[in-house]
Amino acid sequence: MDLNLHSPPRRLIELRMEHADLDNLIDQAALSLPDDELSLRRLKKRRLLLRDQIARLEAEIDPPEPA
C-alpha cells in the first residue's frame, strides 16, 4: 500500500495539482498585488520548476519511442 503512495503516476498527479494551484495564485497575485514583482517572479520560477519536473516524470512513465 505504501508503494502506491509514492508511485510515479501518483507523484505526477500531485505535481499537476500544485502547478494548477500556482497558476491560480499567480493570476490572483497579478491582479491584487501588481507592484510586488519579486513575489510574482518567485511564484513563476516555482511554476517553471514544476513544469520541468512534470515533463521529466511524464518521460519516465511513458518514454518516447525511438525514431
N, C-alpha and C. Protein backbone atom coordinates (compact mmCIF):
# COMPACT_ATOMS: atom_id res chain seq x y z
N MET A 1 0.82 -1.19 0.00
CA MET A 1 0.00 0.00 0.00
C MET A 1 0.87 1.26 0.00
N ASP A 2 1.96 1.23 0.76
CA ASP A 2 2.84 2.39 0.85
C ASP A 2 3.50 2.70 -0.49
N LEU A 3 3.76 1.66 -1.29
CA LEU A 3 4.37 1.87 -2.60
C LEU A 3 3.45 2.68 -3.51
N ASN A 4 2.16 2.46 -3.38
CA ASN A 4 1.19 3.17 -4.21
C ASN A 4 1.20 4.67 -3.93
N LEU A 5 1.49 5.06 -2.69
CA LEU A 5 1.53 6.48 -2.33
C LEU A 5 2.70 7.21 -2.97
N HIS A 6 3.75 6.47 -3.31
CA HIS A 6 4.95 7.08 -3.86
C HIS A 6 5.18 6.68 -5.31
N SER A 7 4.16 6.19 -5.99
CA SER A 7 4.32 5.77 -7.37
C SER A 7 4.46 6.98 -8.29
N PRO A 8 5.16 6.81 -9.40
CA PRO A 8 5.31 7.94 -10.34
C PRO A 8 3.98 8.51 -10.84
N PRO A 9 2.98 7.69 -11.18
CA PRO A 9 1.71 8.29 -11.61
C PRO A 9 1.05 9.15 -10.52
N ARG A 10 1.16 8.71 -9.28
CA ARG A 10 0.59 9.48 -8.17
C ARG A 10 1.35 10.81 -8.01
N ARG A 11 2.67 10.75 -8.11
CA ARG A 11 3.50 11.96 -8.00
C ARG A 11 3.17 12.94 -9.12
N LEU A 12 2.92 12.40 -10.32
CA LEU A 12 2.58 13.23 -11.46
C LEU A 12 1.28 13.99 -11.20
N ILE A 13 0.31 13.31 -10.64
CA ILE A 13 -0.97 13.95 -10.30
C ILE A 13 -0.74 15.07 -9.29
N GLU A 14 0.07 14.80 -8.27
CA GLU A 14 0.34 15.80 -7.25
C GLU A 14 1.04 17.03 -7.84
N LEU A 15 2.00 16.80 -8.73
CA LEU A 15 2.72 17.91 -9.36
C LEU A 15 1.79 18.75 -10.24
N ARG A 16 0.91 18.07 -10.97
CA ARG A 16 -0.03 18.80 -11.82
C ARG A 16 -1.00 19.64 -10.98
N MET A 17 -1.42 19.10 -9.85
CA MET A 17 -2.31 19.85 -8.96
C MET A 17 -1.60 21.07 -8.40
N GLU A 18 -0.35 20.88 -7.98
CA GLU A 18 0.41 22.01 -7.45
C GLU A 18 0.64 23.07 -8.53
N HIS A 19 0.89 22.64 -9.77
CA HIS A 19 1.08 23.56 -10.87
C HIS A 19 -0.20 24.37 -11.12
N ALA A 20 -1.34 23.71 -11.09
CA ALA A 20 -2.62 24.40 -11.28
C ALA A 20 -2.88 25.39 -10.15
N ASP A 21 -2.55 24.99 -8.93
CA ASP A 21 -2.71 25.90 -7.79
C ASP A 21 -1.84 27.14 -7.95
N LEU A 22 -0.61 26.94 -8.41
CA LEU A 22 0.29 28.08 -8.63
C LEU A 22 -0.23 28.98 -9.74
N ASP A 23 -0.80 28.39 -10.79
CA ASP A 23 -1.39 29.20 -11.86
C ASP A 23 -2.45 30.15 -11.28
N ASN A 24 -3.32 29.59 -10.47
CA ASN A 24 -4.38 30.40 -9.86
C ASN A 24 -3.80 31.47 -8.94
N LEU A 25 -2.82 31.09 -8.15
CA LEU A 25 -2.19 32.02 -7.22
C LEU A 25 -1.50 33.16 -7.96
N ILE A 26 -0.84 32.85 -9.05
CA ILE A 26 -0.16 33.87 -9.85
C ILE A 26 -1.18 34.83 -10.46
N ASP A 27 -2.26 34.28 -10.98
CA ASP A 27 -3.31 35.13 -11.55
C ASP A 27 -3.89 36.08 -10.50
N GLN A 28 -4.17 35.55 -9.32
CA GLN A 28 -4.73 36.38 -8.25
C GLN A 28 -3.74 37.43 -7.78
N ALA A 29 -2.48 37.04 -7.64
CA ALA A 29 -1.46 37.97 -7.17
C ALA A 29 -1.22 39.08 -8.20
N ALA A 30 -1.29 38.73 -9.46
CA ALA A 30 -1.08 39.74 -10.50
C ALA A 30 -2.18 40.80 -10.45
N LEU A 31 -3.38 40.39 -10.08
CA LEU A 31 -4.49 41.35 -10.01
C LEU A 31 -4.48 42.14 -8.70
N SER A 32 -4.22 41.47 -7.59
CA SER A 32 -4.32 42.14 -6.30
C SER A 32 -3.04 42.88 -5.88
N LEU A 33 -1.88 42.36 -6.29
CA LEU A 33 -0.60 42.99 -5.92
C LEU A 33 0.29 43.16 -7.14
N PRO A 34 -0.11 43.99 -8.09
CA PRO A 34 0.68 44.10 -9.32
C PRO A 34 2.07 44.70 -9.11
N ASP A 35 2.29 45.41 -8.00
CA ASP A 35 3.59 46.04 -7.77
C ASP A 35 4.60 45.10 -7.10
N ASP A 36 4.15 43.95 -6.65
CA ASP A 36 5.04 43.00 -5.96
C ASP A 36 5.67 42.05 -6.98
N GLU A 37 6.59 42.59 -7.77
CA GLU A 37 7.21 41.82 -8.84
C GLU A 37 8.08 40.68 -8.32
N LEU A 38 8.71 40.88 -7.19
CA LEU A 38 9.59 39.84 -6.65
C LEU A 38 8.80 38.58 -6.31
N SER A 39 7.68 38.75 -5.65
CA SER A 39 6.84 37.59 -5.30
C SER A 39 6.32 36.90 -6.55
N LEU A 40 5.88 37.69 -7.51
CA LEU A 40 5.39 37.10 -8.76
C LEU A 40 6.49 36.33 -9.48
N ARG A 41 7.67 36.89 -9.50
CA ARG A 41 8.80 36.23 -10.14
C ARG A 41 9.13 34.90 -9.45
N ARG A 42 9.08 34.89 -8.13
CA ARG A 42 9.35 33.66 -7.38
C ARG A 42 8.29 32.59 -7.67
N LEU A 43 7.03 33.01 -7.70
CA LEU A 43 5.95 32.06 -8.00
C LEU A 43 6.09 31.50 -9.42
N LYS A 44 6.43 32.36 -10.35
CA LYS A 44 6.59 31.91 -11.73
C LYS A 44 7.78 30.97 -11.88
N LYS A 45 8.85 31.23 -11.13
CA LYS A 45 10.02 30.35 -11.17
C LYS A 45 9.67 28.98 -10.61
N ARG A 46 8.91 28.96 -9.52
CA ARG A 46 8.47 27.69 -8.94
C ARG A 46 7.59 26.93 -9.94
N ARG A 47 6.72 27.67 -10.63
CA ARG A 47 5.84 27.04 -11.62
C ARG A 47 6.65 26.41 -12.75
N LEU A 48 7.71 27.10 -13.20
CA LEU A 48 8.57 26.55 -14.24
C LEU A 48 9.30 25.29 -13.77
N LEU A 49 9.75 25.31 -12.53
CA LEU A 49 10.41 24.12 -11.98
C LEU A 49 9.44 22.94 -11.93
N LEU A 50 8.21 23.22 -11.55
CA LEU A 50 7.20 22.16 -11.53
C LEU A 50 6.94 21.62 -12.93
N ARG A 51 6.87 22.52 -13.90
CA ARG A 51 6.63 22.08 -15.28
C ARG A 51 7.77 21.18 -15.76
N ASP A 52 9.00 21.51 -15.39
CA ASP A 52 10.15 20.66 -15.74
C ASP A 52 10.05 19.30 -15.07
N GLN A 53 9.68 19.28 -13.79
CA GLN A 53 9.52 18.02 -13.07
C GLN A 53 8.42 17.16 -13.71
N ILE A 54 7.34 17.80 -14.10
CA ILE A 54 6.23 17.09 -14.74
C ILE A 54 6.70 16.47 -16.06
N ALA A 55 7.43 17.23 -16.85
CA ALA A 55 7.92 16.74 -18.14
C ALA A 55 8.87 15.56 -17.95
N ARG A 56 9.76 15.65 -16.96
CA ARG A 56 10.68 14.53 -16.70
C ARG A 56 9.93 13.29 -16.26
N LEU A 57 8.96 13.46 -15.39
CA LEU A 57 8.19 12.34 -14.88
C LEU A 57 7.34 11.71 -15.99
N GLU A 58 6.76 12.54 -16.85
CA GLU A 58 5.99 12.02 -17.98
C GLU A 58 6.88 11.19 -18.90
N ALA A 59 8.10 11.66 -19.15
CA ALA A 59 9.04 10.92 -19.99
C ALA A 59 9.45 9.62 -19.33
N GLU A 60 9.54 9.62 -18.01
CA GLU A 60 9.91 8.41 -17.28
C GLU A 60 8.78 7.38 -17.33
N ILE A 61 7.55 7.84 -17.18
CA ILE A 61 6.40 6.94 -17.18
C ILE A 61 6.11 6.41 -18.57
N ASP A 62 6.16 7.28 -19.57
CA ASP A 62 5.85 6.90 -20.95
C ASP A 62 6.96 7.43 -21.86
N PRO A 63 8.10 6.72 -21.91
CA PRO A 63 9.23 7.23 -22.69
C PRO A 63 8.88 7.34 -24.18
N PRO A 64 9.44 8.34 -24.85
CA PRO A 64 9.18 8.48 -26.28
C PRO A 64 9.77 7.30 -27.05
N GLU A 65 9.08 6.91 -28.10
CA GLU A 65 9.57 5.79 -28.91
C GLU A 65 10.70 6.26 -29.82
N PRO A 66 11.71 5.43 -29.98
CA PRO A 66 12.83 5.82 -30.88
C PRO A 66 12.35 5.94 -32.31
N ALA A 67 12.98 6.85 -33.04
CA ALA A 67 12.58 7.09 -34.44
C ALA A 67 13.02 5.98 -35.35
